PDB file of N, CA and C in Angstrom:
ATOM      1  N   MET A   1      13.538  -4.295  -4.171  1.00  0.00           N
ATOM      2  CA  MET A   1      12.973  -3.478  -4.975  1.00  0.00           C
ATOM      3  C   MET A   1      12.543  -2.727  -3.207  1.00  0.00           C
ATOM      4  N   PRO A   2      13.189  -1.769  -2.536  1.00  0.00           N
ATOM      5  CA  PRO A   2      12.118  -0.154  -2.086  1.00  0.00           C
ATOM      6  C   PRO A   2      11.214  -0.165  -2.528  1.00  0.00           C
ATOM      7  N   ILE A   3      10.460   0.041  -1.281  1.00  0.00           N
ATOM      8  CA  ILE A   3       9.284   0.993  -1.785  1.00  0.00           C
ATOM      9  C   ILE A   3       9.651   2.146  -1.118  1.00  0.00           C
ATOM     10  N   LEU A   4       9.483   3.341  -2.147  1.00  0.00           N
ATOM     11  CA  LEU A   4      10.170   4.903  -2.500  1.00  0.00           C
ATOM     12  C   LEU A   4       9.136   5.482  -0.983  1.00  0.00           C
ATOM     13  N   ALA A   5      10.251   6.514  -0.518  1.00  0.00           N
ATOM     14  CA  ALA A   5       9.479   7.125   0.660  1.00  0.00           C
ATOM     15  C   ALA A   5       8.304   8.477  -0.730  1.00  0.00           C
ATOM     16  N   THR A   6       9.018   8.893  -1.488  1.00  0.00           N
ATOM     17  CA  THR A   6       8.793  10.111  -3.003  1.00  0.00           C
ATOM     18  C   THR A   6       7.340   9.188  -3.262  1.00  0.00           C
ATOM     19  N   SER A   7       7.002   8.113  -3.271  1.00  0.00           N
ATOM     20  CA  SER A   7       6.681   6.993  -4.448  1.00  0.00           C
ATOM     21  C   SER A   7       5.189   8.210  -3.542  1.00  0.00           C
ATOM     22  N   ILE A   8       3.869   8.036  -5.020  1.00  0.00           N
ATOM     23  CA  ILE A   8       2.812   8.706  -4.756  1.00  0.00           C
ATOM     24  C   ILE A   8       1.488   7.244  -4.745  1.00  0.00           C
ATOM     25  N   ASN A   9       1.186   7.807  -4.189  1.00  0.00           N
ATOM     26  CA  ASN A   9      -0.149   6.879  -2.918  1.00  0.00           C
ATOM     27  C   ASN A   9      -0.179   5.439  -3.934  1.00  0.00           C
ATOM     28  N   ASN A  10      -0.271   5.346  -5.019  1.00  0.00           N
ATOM     29  CA  ASN A  10      -0.866   4.406  -5.741  1.00  0.00           C
ATOM     30  C   ASN A  10       0.736   3.576  -6.656  1.00  0.00           C
ATOM     31  N   GLU A  11       1.192   4.481  -7.049  1.00  0.00           N
ATOM     32  CA  GLU A  11       2.630   3.191  -6.860  1.00  0.00           C
ATOM     33  C   GLU A  11       3.724   3.127  -6.094  1.00  0.00           C
ATOM     34  N   ALA A  12       3.458   3.461  -4.222  1.00  0.00           N
ATOM     35  CA  ALA A  12       4.173   2.428  -3.196  1.00  0.00           C
ATOM     36  C   ALA A  12       3.003   1.098  -3.322  1.00  0.00           C
ATOM     37  N   GLU A  13       1.349   1.273  -3.799  1.00  0.00           N
ATOM     38  CA  GLU A  13       0.759   0.399  -3.452  1.00  0.00           C
ATOM     39  C   GLU A  13       0.842  -0.788  -3.960  1.00  0.00           C
ATOM     40  N   TYR A  14       1.502  -0.546  -5.555  1.00  0.00           N
ATOM     41  CA  TYR A  14       2.651  -0.718  -6.768  1.00  0.00           C
ATOM     42  C   TYR A  14       3.336  -1.497  -6.110  1.00  0.00           C
ATOM     43  N   GLN A  15       3.753  -1.195  -5.535  1.00  0.00           N
ATOM     44  CA  GLN A  15       5.713  -1.591  -5.094  1.00  0.00           C
ATOM     45  C   GLN A  15       5.421  -2.383  -4.004  1.00  0.00           C
ATOM     46  N   ALA A  16       4.410  -2.435  -2.868  1.00  0.00           N
ATOM     47  CA  ALA A  16       4.075  -3.171  -2.328  1.00  0.00           C
ATOM     48  C   ALA A  16       3.437  -4.423  -2.541  1.00  0.00           C
ATOM     49  N   LEU A  17       2.676  -4.682  -3.316  1.00  0.00           N
ATOM     50  CA  LEU A  17       2.293  -5.193  -4.872  1.00  0.00           C
ATOM     51  C   LEU A  17       3.030  -6.352  -5.342  1.00  0.00           C
ATOM     52  N   ILE A  18       3.956  -6.290  -5.589  1.00  0.00           N
ATOM     53  CA  ILE A  18       5.060  -6.424  -6.527  1.00  0.00           C
ATOM     54  C   ILE A  18       6.299  -7.348  -5.053  1.00  0.00           C
ATOM     55  N   LYS A  19       6.148  -6.760  -4.824  1.00  0.00           N
ATOM     56  CA  LYS A  19       7.536  -6.798  -3.485  1.00  0.00           C
ATOM     57  C   LYS A  19       7.000  -8.470  -3.188  1.00  0.00           C
ATOM     58  N   GLY A  20       5.976  -8.322  -1.919  1.00  0.00           N
ATOM     59  CA  GLY A  20       4.659  -9.575  -1.249  1.00  0.00           C
ATOM     60  C   GLY A  20       4.466 -10.816  -2.964  1.00  0.00           C
ATOM     61  N   LEU A  21       4.310 -10.350  -3.966  1.00  0.00           N
ATOM     62  CA  LEU A  21       4.266 -11.480  -4.433  1.00  0.00           C
ATOM     63  C   LEU A  21       5.630 -12.131  -5.260  1.00  0.00           C
ATOM     64  N   LYS A  22       6.817 -11.329  -5.280  1.00  0.00           N
ATOM     65  CA  LYS A  22       7.880 -11.695  -5.388  1.00  0.00           C
ATOM     66  C   LYS A  22       7.927 -12.435  -4.608  1.00  0.00           C
ATOM     67  N   LEU A  23       8.085 -12.379  -3.682  1.00  0.00           N
ATOM     68  CA  LEU A  23       8.237 -13.033  -1.755  1.00  0.00           C
ATOM     69  C   LEU A  23       7.587 -14.203  -1.855  1.00  0.00           C
ATOM     70  N   LEU A  24       6.633 -13.982  -2.043  1.00  0.00           N
ATOM     71  CA  LEU A  24       5.441 -15.197  -2.756  1.00  0.00           C
ATOM     72  C   LEU A  24       5.580 -16.766  -3.234  1.00  0.00           C
ATOM     73  N   LYS A  25       6.507 -16.022  -3.930  1.00  0.00           N
ATOM     74  CA  LYS A  25       7.088 -17.167  -5.106  1.00  0.00           C
ATOM     75  C   LYS A  25       8.485 -17.773  -4.517  1.00  0.00           C
ATOM     76  N   GLU A  26       9.329 -16.697  -3.915  1.00  0.00           N
ATOM     77  CA  GLU A  26      10.126 -17.436  -3.522  1.00  0.00           C
ATOM     78  C   GLU A  26      10.374 -18.383  -2.462  1.00  0.00           C
ATOM     79  N   VAL A  27       8.639 -18.408  -2.065  1.00  0.00           N
ATOM     80  CA  VAL A  27       8.574 -20.261  -1.234  1.00  0.00           C
ATOM     81  C   VAL A  27       7.728 -20.921  -1.730  1.00  0.00           C
ATOM     82  N   HIS A  28       6.969 -20.150  -2.736  1.00  0.00           N
ATOM     83  CA  HIS A  28       6.813 -21.363  -3.856  1.00  0.00           C
ATOM     84  C   HIS A  28       5.491 -21.635  -3.410  1.00  0.00           C
ATOM     85  N   ALA A  29       4.746 -20.162  -2.912  1.00  0.00           N
ATOM     86  CA  ALA A  29       2.882 -20.338  -3.149  1.00  0.00           C
ATOM     87  C   ALA A  29       2.881 -20.362  -4.427  1.00  0.00           C
ATOM     88  N   ASP A  30       1.505 -21.549  -5.002  1.00  0.00           N
ATOM     89  CA  ASP A  30       0.735 -21.534  -5.886  1.00  0.00           C
ATOM     90  C   ASP A  30      -0.718 -20.945  -5.973  1.00  0.00           C
ATOM     91  N   ALA A  31      -0.840 -19.996  -5.099  1.00  0.00           N
ATOM     92  CA  ALA A  31      -2.072 -19.824  -4.997  1.00  0.00           C
ATOM     93  C   ALA A  31      -1.611 -18.100  -3.843  1.00  0.00           C
ATOM     94  N   VAL A  32      -3.485 -17.243  -4.205  1.00  0.00           N
ATOM     95  CA  VAL A  32      -2.503 -15.640  -3.674  1.00  0.00           C
ATOM     96  C   VAL A  32      -4.176 -15.247  -3.720  1.00  0.00           C
ATOM     97  N   GLU A  33      -4.800 -14.882  -2.757  1.00  0.00           N
ATOM     98  CA  GLU A  33      -5.088 -13.389  -2.139  1.00  0.00           C
ATOM     99  C   GLU A  33      -4.689 -12.883  -2.058  1.00  0.00           C
ATOM    100  N   ILE A  34      -5.378 -11.290  -2.580  1.00  0.00           N
ATOM    101  CA  ILE A  34      -4.343 -10.166  -2.456  1.00  0.00           C
ATOM    102  C   ILE A  34      -5.719  -9.563  -2.032  1.00  0.00           C
ATOM    103  N   PHE A  35      -5.536  -8.958  -0.970  1.00  0.00           N
ATOM    104  CA  PHE A  35      -6.548  -7.781   0.010  1.00  0.00           C
ATOM    105  C   PHE A  35      -6.131  -6.402  -0.438  1.00  0.00           C
ATOM    106  N   GLY A  36      -6.665  -5.170  -0.956  1.00  0.00           N
ATOM    107  CA  GLY A  36      -5.888  -4.048  -1.384  1.00  0.00           C
ATOM    108  C   GLY A  36      -6.711  -3.284  -1.168  1.00  0.00           C
ATOM    109  N   ASP A  37      -6.303  -1.753  -0.107  1.00  0.00           N
ATOM    110  CA  ASP A  37      -7.288  -0.806   0.083  1.00  0.00           C
ATOM    111  C   ASP A  37      -7.224   0.401  -1.305  1.00  0.00           C
ATOM    112  N   SER A  38      -6.511   0.491  -2.053  1.00  0.00           N
ATOM    113  CA  SER A  38      -6.288   1.111  -3.518  1.00  0.00           C
ATOM    114  C   SER A  38      -7.450   0.669  -4.078  1.00  0.00           C
ATOM    115  N   MET A  39      -8.683   1.251  -4.415  1.00  0.00           N
ATOM    116  CA  MET A  39      -9.370   0.630  -4.974  1.00  0.00           C
ATOM    117  C   MET A  39      -9.906   0.934  -7.156  1.00  0.00           C
ATOM    118  N   ILE A  40      -8.608   1.795  -7.251  1.00  0.00           N
ATOM    119  CA  ILE A  40      -7.626   2.123  -8.719  1.00  0.00           C
ATOM    120  C   ILE A  40      -7.030   1.434  -9.033  1.00  0.00           C
ATOM    121  N   VAL A  41      -6.010   0.667  -8.108  1.00  0.00           N
ATOM    122  CA  VAL A  41      -5.405  -0.957  -8.334  1.00  0.00           C
ATOM    123  C   VAL A  41      -5.566  -2.149  -8.408  1.00  0.00           C
ATOM    124  N   ILE A  42      -6.467  -2.237  -7.660  1.00  0.00           N
ATOM    125  CA  ILE A  42      -7.832  -3.569  -7.911  1.00  0.00           C
ATOM    126  C   ILE A  42      -8.254  -3.981  -9.226  1.00  0.00           C
ATOM    127  N   ASN A  43      -8.988  -2.478  -8.935  1.00  0.00           N
ATOM    128  CA  ASN A  43      -9.762  -2.487 -11.071  1.00  0.00           C
ATOM    129  C   ASN A  43      -8.634  -2.239 -11.488  1.00  0.00           C
ATOM    130  N   GLN A  44      -7.238  -1.842 -11.266  1.00  0.00           N
ATOM    131  CA  GLN A  44      -6.388  -1.957 -13.127  1.00  0.00           C
ATOM    132  C   GLN A  44      -6.247  -3.424 -12.916  1.00  0.00           C
ATOM    133  N   LEU A  45      -5.848  -4.036 -12.057  1.00  0.00           N
ATOM    134  CA  LEU A  45      -5.940  -5.609 -11.915  1.00  0.00           C
ATOM    135  C   LEU A  45      -7.021  -6.294 -12.257  1.00  0.00           C
ATOM    136  N   VAL A  46      -8.060  -6.427 -12.039  1.00  0.00           N
ATOM    137  CA  VAL A  46      -8.833  -7.010 -11.711  1.00  0.00           C
ATOM    138  C   VAL A  46      -9.845  -6.563 -13.243  1.00  0.00           C
ATOM    139  N   GLY A  47      -9.340  -5.709 -14.454  1.00  0.00           N
ATOM    140  CA  GLY A  47      -9.885  -5.116 -15.614  1.00  0.00           C
ATOM    141  C   GLY A  47     -10.913  -3.795 -15.632  1.00  0.00           C
ATOM    142  N   ASN A  48     -10.837  -3.975 -14.880  1.00  0.00           N
ATOM    143  CA  ASN A  48     -12.446  -2.546 -14.839  1.00  0.00           C
ATOM    144  C   ASN A  48     -11.906  -1.361 -14.857  1.00  0.00           C
ATOM    145  N   TYR A  49     -10.990  -0.892 -14.761  1.00  0.00           N
ATOM    146  CA  TYR A  49     -10.402   0.496 -14.642  1.00  0.00           C
ATOM    147  C   TYR A  49      -9.226   0.322 -16.016  1.00  0.00           C
ATOM    148  N   GLU A  50      -9.416   0.817 -16.710  1.00  0.00           N
ATOM    149  CA  GLU A  50      -7.106   1.303 -17.353  1.00  0.00           C
ATOM    150  C   GLU A  50      -5.933   1.874 -17.383  1.00  0.00           C
ATOM    151  N   CYS A  51      -5.692   1.473 -17.539  1.00  0.00           N
ATOM    152  CA  CYS A  51      -3.773   1.795 -16.599  1.00  0.00           C
ATOM    153  C   CYS A  51      -3.525   2.975 -17.343  1.00  0.00           C
ATOM    154  N   GLN A  52      -3.476   3.918 -17.647  1.00  0.00           N
ATOM    155  CA  GLN A  52      -3.033   4.965 -18.210  1.00  0.00           C
ATOM    156  C   GLN A  52      -1.853   5.910 -18.418  1.00  0.00           C
ATOM    157  N   SER A  53      -1.860   5.583 -16.518  1.00  0.00           N
ATOM    158  CA  SER A  53      -1.146   6.283 -15.400  1.00  0.00           C
ATOM    159  C   SER A  53       0.889   6.279 -16.543  1.00  0.00           C
ATOM    160  N   GLU A  54       0.914   7.300 -16.611  1.00  0.00           N
ATOM    161  CA  GLU A  54       2.457   6.134 -17.469  1.00  0.00           C
ATOM    162  C   GLU A  54       3.479   6.266 -15.965  1.00  0.00           C
ATOM    163  N   VAL A  55       2.925   6.499 -15.000  1.00  0.00           N
ATOM    164  CA  VAL A  55       3.643   6.266 -13.682  1.00  0.00           C
ATOM    165  C   VAL A  55       3.599   4.521 -13.956  1.00  0.00           C
ATOM    166  N   LEU A  56       2.425   4.501 -13.443  1.00  0.00           N
ATOM    167  CA  LEU A  56       1.911   3.434 -13.396  1.00  0.00           C
ATOM    168  C   LEU A  56       2.172   1.807 -13.890  1.00  0.00           C
ATOM    169  N   ILE A  57       1.692   3.038 -15.474  1.00  0.00           N
ATOM    170  CA  ILE A  57       1.745   1.343 -16.104  1.00  0.00           C
ATOM    171  C   ILE A  57       2.706   0.188 -16.248  1.00  0.00           C
ATOM    172  N   SER A  58       4.332   0.475 -15.768  1.00  0.00           N
ATOM    173  CA  SER A  58       5.258  -0.667 -15.544  1.00  0.00           C
ATOM    174  C   SER A  58       5.154  -0.987 -14.914  1.00  0.00           C
ATOM    175  N   TYR A  59       4.358  -0.747 -13.591  1.00  0.00           N
ATOM    176  CA  TYR A  59       3.946  -1.301 -12.031  1.00  0.00           C
ATOM    177  C   TYR A  59       2.938  -1.911 -12.666  1.00  0.00           C
ATOM    178  N   TYR A  60       1.752  -1.436 -13.134  1.00  0.00           N
ATOM    179  CA  TYR A  60       0.845  -2.670 -13.942  1.00  0.00           C
ATOM    180  C   TYR A  60       1.085  -3.831 -14.256  1.00  0.00           C
ATOM    181  N   GLU A  61       1.976  -3.615 -15.417  1.00  0.00           N
ATOM    182  CA  GLU A  61       3.025  -4.645 -16.247  1.00  0.00           C
ATOM    183  C   GLU A  61       3.559  -5.574 -15.292  1.00  0.00           C
ATOM    184  N   ARG A  62       3.851  -4.947 -14.168  1.00  0.00           N
ATOM    185  CA  ARG A  62       4.467  -6.197 -13.920  1.00  0.00           C
ATOM    186  C   ARG A  62       3.845  -7.117 -13.104  1.00  0.00           C
ATOM    187  N   SER A  63       3.366  -6.046 -12.171  1.00  0.00           N
ATOM    188  CA  SER A  63       1.856  -6.584 -11.449  1.00  0.00           C
ATOM    189  C   SER A  63       1.548  -8.142 -11.577  1.00  0.00           C
ATOM    190  N   ILE A  64       0.422  -7.661 -13.285  1.00  0.00           N
ATOM    191  CA  ILE A  64      -0.155  -8.599 -14.268  1.00  0.00           C
ATOM    192  C   ILE A  64       0.791  -9.817 -14.835  1.00  0.00           C
ATOM    193  N   GLN A  65       2.204  -9.453 -15.191  1.00  0.00           N
ATOM    194  CA  GLN A  65       3.322 -10.929 -15.032  1.00  0.00           C
ATOM    195  C   GLN A  65       2.846 -11.747 -14.249  1.00  0.00           C
ATOM    196  N   LEU A  66       3.597 -11.191 -12.478  1.00  0.00           N
ATOM    197  CA  LEU A  66       4.196 -11.708 -11.679  1.00  0.00           C
ATOM    198  C   LEU A  66       1.968 -12.684 -11.007  1.00  0.00           C
ATOM    199  N   LEU A  67       1.846 -12.034 -11.693  1.00  0.00           N
ATOM    200  CA  LEU A  67       0.122 -13.193 -10.621  1.00  0.00           C
ATOM    201  C   LEU A  67      -0.188 -14.059 -12.036  1.00  0.00           C
ATOM    202  N   ARG A  68       0.188 -13.257 -13.466  1.00  0.00           N
ATOM    203  CA  ARG A  68      -0.432 -14.776 -14.003  1.00  0.00           C
ATOM    204  C   ARG A  68       1.113 -16.004 -13.750  1.00  0.00           C
ATOM    205  N   GLU A  69       1.629 -15.750 -13.136  1.00  0.00           N
ATOM    206  CA  GLU A  69       2.238 -17.108 -12.629  1.00  0.00           C
ATOM    207  C   GLU A  69       2.051 -18.270 -11.837  1.00  0.00           C
ATOM    208  N   PHE A  70       1.345 -17.184 -10.602  1.00  0.00           N
ATOM    209  CA  PHE A  70       0.536 -18.357 -10.302  1.00  0.00           C
ATOM    210  C   PHE A  70      -1.018 -19.028 -10.461  1.00  0.00           C
ATOM    211  N   LYS A  71      -0.684 -20.556 -10.054  1.00  0.00           N
ATOM    212  CA  LYS A  71      -2.095 -21.245 -10.507  1.00  0.00           C
ATOM    213  C   LYS A  71      -2.939 -20.644 -10.364  1.00  0.00           C
ATOM    214  N   ASP A  72      -3.379 -19.487  -9.455  1.00  0.00           N
ATOM    215  CA  ASP A  72      -4.891 -19.206  -9.058  1.00  0.00           C
ATOM    216  C   ASP A  72      -4.720 -17.780  -8.154  1.00  0.00           C
ATOM    217  N   PHE A  73      -4.864 -16.929  -8.911  1.00  0.00           N
ATOM    218  CA  PHE A  73      -4.599 -15.638  -7.760  1.00  0.00           C
ATOM    219  C   PHE A  73      -6.635 -15.464  -7.696  1.00  0.00           C
ATOM    220  N   ARG A  74      -6.788 -14.480  -6.678  1.00  0.00           N
ATOM    221  CA  ARG A  74      -7.954 -13.755  -6.339  1.00  0.00           C
ATOM    222  C   ARG A  74      -7.395 -11.861  -5.678  1.00  0.00           C
ATOM    223  N   LEU A  75      -8.663 -11.653  -6.422  1.00  0.00           N
ATOM    224  CA  LEU A  75      -8.310  -9.845  -5.803  1.00  0.00           C
ATOM    225  C   LEU A  75      -8.633  -8.927  -6.003  1.00  0.00           C
ATOM    226  N   GLU A  76      -9.386  -8.727  -4.406  1.00  0.00           N
ATOM    227  CA  GLU A  76     -10.657  -7.855  -3.933  1.00  0.00           C
ATOM    228  C   GLU A  76     -10.407  -6.401  -3.319  1.00  0.00           C
ATOM    229  N   HIS A  77     -11.545  -5.568  -2.659  1.00  0.00           N
ATOM    230  CA  HIS A  77     -11.026  -4.245  -2.601  1.00  0.00           C
ATOM    231  C   HIS A  77     -11.722  -3.650  -1.567  1.00  0.00           C
ATOM    232  N   ILE A  78     -10.826  -4.084  -0.438  1.00  0.00           N
ATOM    233  CA  ILE A  78     -11.048  -3.734   1.257  1.00  0.00           C
ATOM    234  C   ILE A  78     -11.007  -1.856   1.890  1.00  0.00           C
ATOM    235  N   PRO A  79     -11.704  -1.515   1.862  1.00  0.00           N
ATOM    236  CA  PRO A  79     -12.125   0.064   2.510  1.00  0.00           C
ATOM    237  C   PRO A  79     -10.738  -0.220   3.135  1.00  0.00           C
ATOM    238  N   ARG A  80     -10.204   1.322   2.687  1.00  0.00           N
ATOM    239  CA  ARG A  80      -9.335   1.734   4.044  1.00  0.00           C
ATOM    240  C   ARG A  80      -9.285   1.355   5.265  1.00  0.00           C
ATOM    241  N   LEU A  81     -10.981   2.225   5.379  1.00  0.00           N
ATOM    242  CA  LEU A  81     -11.604   1.176   7.502  1.00  0.00           C
ATOM    243  C   LEU A  81     -11.540  -0.070   7.760  1.00  0.00           C
ATOM    244  N   HIS A  82     -11.322  -0.664   7.368  1.00  0.00           N
ATOM    245  CA  HIS A  82     -11.581  -1.902   7.260  1.00  0.00           C
ATOM    246  C   HIS A  82     -10.362  -2.403   7.011  1.00  0.00           C
ATOM    247  N   ASN A  83      -9.117  -1.853   6.334  1.00  0.00           N
ATOM    248  CA  ASN A  83      -8.130  -3.002   6.360  1.00  0.00           C
ATOM    249  C   ASN A  83      -6.817  -2.466   7.728  1.00  0.00           C
ATOM    250  N   GLU A  84      -7.328  -2.015   7.615  1.00  0.00           N
ATOM    251  CA  GLU A  84      -6.246  -1.564   9.839  1.00  0.00           C
ATOM    252  C   GLU A  84      -4.710  -2.781   9.314  1.00  0.00           C
ATOM    253  N   GLU A  85      -4.810  -3.304   9.403  1.00  0.00           N
ATOM    254  CA  GLU A  85      -4.596  -4.534   9.718  1.00  0.00           C
ATOM    255  C   GLU A  85      -3.259  -4.333   8.913  1.00  0.00           C
ATOM    256  N   ALA A  86      -3.392  -4.724   7.871  1.00  0.00           N
ATOM    257  CA  ALA A  86      -2.148  -4.378   5.853  1.00  0.00           C
ATOM    258  C   ALA A  86      -1.513  -3.332   6.863  1.00  0.00           C
ATOM    259  N   ASN A  87      -2.866  -2.754   6.683  1.00  0.00           N
ATOM    260  CA  ASN A  87      -2.064  -1.027   6.338  1.00  0.00           C
ATOM    261  C   ASN A  87      -0.394  -0.833   7.873  1.00  0.00           C
ATOM    262  N   ARG A  88      -0.464  -1.429   9.094  1.00  0.00           N
ATOM    263  CA  ARG A  88       0.566  -1.382   9.690  1.00  0.00           C
ATOM    264  C   ARG A  88       1.755  -2.133   9.243  1.00  0.00           C
ATOM    265  N   LEU A  89       1.328  -4.180   8.614  1.00  0.00           N
ATOM    266  CA  LEU A  89       1.654  -4.446   7.444  1.00  0.00           C
ATOM    267  C   LEU A  89       2.552  -4.057   7.045  1.00  0.00           C
ATOM    268  N   ALA A  90       2.431  -2.978   6.085  1.00  0.00           N
ATOM    269  CA  ALA A  90       2.835  -2.489   4.883  1.00  0.00           C
ATOM    270  C   ALA A  90       3.519  -0.977   5.270  1.00  0.00           C
ATOM    271  N   GLN A  91       3.972  -1.199   6.051  1.00  0.00           N
ATOM    272  CA  GLN A  91       3.952   0.120   6.845  1.00  0.00           C
ATOM    273  C   GLN A  91       5.206  -0.369   7.723  1.00  0.00           C
ATOM    274  N   HIS A  92       5.506  -1.300   8.489  1.00  0.00           N
ATOM    275  CA  HIS A  92       6.104  -1.651   9.286  1.00  0.00           C
ATOM    276  C   HIS A  92       7.383  -2.457   7.924  1.00  0.00           C
ATOM    277  N   ALA A  93       6.810  -3.312   7.020  1.00  0.00           N
ATOM    278  CA  ALA A  93       7.797  -3.761   5.257  1.00  0.00           C
ATOM    279  C   ALA A  93       8.651  -2.446   5.046  1.00  0.00           C
ATOM    280  N   SER A  94       7.478  -1.280   4.465  1.00  0.00           N
ATOM    281  CA  SER A  94       8.245  -0.229   4.240  1.00  0.00           C
ATOM    282  C   SER A  94       8.867   0.529   4.871  1.00  0.00           C
ATOM    283  N   GLY A  95       9.589   0.113   5.742  1.00  0.00           N
ATOM    284  CA  GLY A  95      10.453   1.162   6.989  1.00  0.00           C
ATOM    285  C   GLY A  95       9.551   2.860   7.158  1.00  0.00           C
ATOM    286  N   TYR A  96       8.654   1.975   7.475  1.00  0.00           N
ATOM    287  CA  TYR A  96       7.828   3.046   7.691  1.00  0.00           C
ATOM    288  C   TYR A  96       7.336   3.261   9.741  1.00  0.00           C
ATOM    289  N   GLN A  97       8.736   4.578  10.440  1.00  0.00           N
ATOM    290  CA  GLN A  97       8.334   4.360  11.607  1.00  0.00           C
ATOM    291  C   GLN A  97       7.017   6.229  11.729  1.00  0.00           C
ATOM    292  N   PRO A  98       6.263   5.164  12.570  1.00  0.00           N
ATOM    293  CA  PRO A  98       5.365   6.576  13.295  1.00  0.00           C
ATOM    294  C   PRO A  98       6.006   7.519  14.199  1.00  0.00           C
ATOM    295  N   ILE A  99       5.311   9.038  14.462  1.00  0.00           N
ATOM    296  CA  ILE A  99       5.734  10.473  15.257  1.00  0.00           C
ATOM    297  C   ILE A  99       5.476   9.651  16.599  1.00  0.00           C
ATOM    298  N   VAL A 100       5.989   9.710  17.710  1.00  0.00           N
ATOM    299  CA  VAL A 100       5.697   9.219  18.838  1.00  0.00           C
ATOM    300  C   VAL A 100       6.392  10.350  19.457  1.00  0.00           C
ATOM    301  N   ASN A 101       5.756   9.862  21.033  1.00  0.00           N
ATOM    302  CA  ASN A 101       5.764  11.406  22.306  1.00  0.00           C
ATOM    303  C   ASN A 101       5.916  12.972  21.442  1.00  0.00           C
ATOM    304  N   VAL A 102       4.424  12.828  21.012  1.00  0.00           N
ATOM    305  CA  VAL A 102       4.789  13.895  20.652  1.00  0.00           C
ATOM    306  C   VAL A 102       4.388  15.068  21.905  1.00  0.00           C
ATOM    307  N   SER A 103       4.971  16.008  21.402  1.00  0.00           N
ATOM    308  CA  SER A 103       4.949  17.291  22.616  1.00  0.00           C
ATOM    309  C   SER A 103       3.246  17.852  22.580  1.00  0.00           C
ATOM    310  N   SER A 104       2.482  17.440  23.469  1.00  0.00           N
ATOM    311  CA  SER A 104       1.109  18.170  23.371  1.00  0.00           C
ATOM    312  C   SER A 104       0.863  19.752  24.513  1.00  0.00           C
ATOM    313  N   ALA A 105      -0.132  20.479  24.127  1.00  0.00           N
ATOM    314  CA  ALA A 105      -0.708  21.372  24.668  1.00  0.00           C
ATOM    315  C   ALA A 105      -0.869  21.756  25.389  1.00  0.00           C
ATOM    316  N   ASP A 106      -0.824  20.407  26.384  1.00  0.00           N
ATOM    317  CA  ASP A 106      -2.407  20.774  27.337  1.00  0.00           C
ATOM    318  C   ASP A 106      -2.889  21.559  28.673  1.00  0.00           C
ATOM    319  N   ASN A 107      -1.148  22.233  28.892  1.00  0.00           N
ATOM    320  CA  ASN A 107      -1.273  23.157  29.485  1.00  0.00           C
ATOM    321  C   ASN A 107      -1.819  24.552  28.516  1.00  0.00           C
ATOM    322  N   THR A 108      -2.391  25.110  29.989  1.00  0.00           N
ATOM    323  CA  THR A 108      -3.441  26.617  29.975  1.00  0.00           C
ATOM    324  C   THR A 108      -1.998  27.795  29.147  1.00  0.00           C
ATOM    325  N   ASP A 109      -0.852  27.660  30.157  1.00  0.00           N
ATOM    326  CA  ASP A 109      -0.135  28.474  29.923  1.00  0.00           C
ATOM    327  C   ASP A 109       0.641  28.324  28.901  1.00  0.00           C
ATOM    328  N   ASP A 110       0.221  27.421  27.877  1.00  0.00           N
ATOM    329  CA  ASP A 110       2.010  27.091  27.226  1.00  0.00           C
ATOM    330  C   ASP A 110       1.054  27.977  25.568  1.00  0.00           C
ATOM    331  N   TRP A 111       1.815  28.486  25.167  1.00  0.00           N
ATOM    332  CA  TRP A 111       2.178  29.534  24.317  1.00  0.00           C
ATOM    333  C   TRP A 111       1.252  28.915  22.750  1.00  0.00           C
ATOM    334  N   ARG A 112       1.645  27.307  22.838  1.00  0.00           N
ATOM    335  CA  ARG A 112       1.858  26.999  21.332  1.00  0.00           C
ATOM    336  C   ARG A 112       0.031  26.373  21.768  1.00  0.00           C
ATOM    337  N   LYS A 113      -0.474  26.710  22.699  1.00  0.00           N
ATOM    338  CA  LYS A 113      -2.446  25.930  22.772  1.00  0.00           C
ATOM    339  C   LYS A 113      -3.159  26.446  21.877  1.00  0.00           C
ATOM    340  N   GLU A 114      -3.319  27.940  21.719  1.00  0.00           N
ATOM    341  CA  GLU A 114      -3.462  28.722  20.520  1.00  0.00           C
ATOM    342  C   GLU A 114      -3.396  27.573  18.585  1.00  0.00           C
ATOM    343  N   ILE A 115      -2.601  27.516  18.552  1.00  0.00           N
ATOM    344  CA  ILE A 115      -2.494  27.029  17.597  1.00  0.00           C
ATOM    345  C   ILE A 115      -2.391  25.870  17.400  1.00  0.00           C
ATOM    346  N   ILE A 116      -1.784  25.271  18.536  1.00  0.00           N
ATOM    347  CA  ILE A 116      -2.491  23.536  18.574  1.00  0.00           C
ATOM    348  C   ILE A 116      -4.030  23.440  17.886  1.00  0.00           C
ATOM    349  N   ASP A 117      -4.666  23.647  19.140  1.00  0.00           N
ATOM    350  CA  ASP A 117      -6.422  24.290  18.943  1.00  0.00           C
ATOM    351  C   ASP A 117      -7.124  24.932  18.000  1.00  0.00           C
ATOM    352  N   TYR A 118      -6.043  25.667  16.712  1.00  0.00           N
ATOM    353  CA  TYR A 118      -6.431  25.892  15.661  1.00  0.00           C
ATOM    354  C   TYR A 118      -6.354  25.334  14.599  1.00  0.00           C
TER     355      TYR A 118
END
């Protein structure tokens, strides 16, 4: 299942989680630790929040189903500021390509400088 570019943030979080759990099952992992930066997703999965979103319910149910297939699992919320490496790995796995070599208008004669500075 590819992670869709049109997905909302929490939908993409669930898609990445499901993809990761499936990969872990393929390599016969029996226990997993999930560190996620989506407070909503993690709290839904541990039962602190009820999943009421029609968009997310199927992802939530599939995630719970996969988690129960492991002998043990642990879920922990990690604030985004402390989750840069995981974000980099998730972006790489999803095919996200950061924009590089963006032109800048450092030159004071550049007509774009005023717009960029705004």
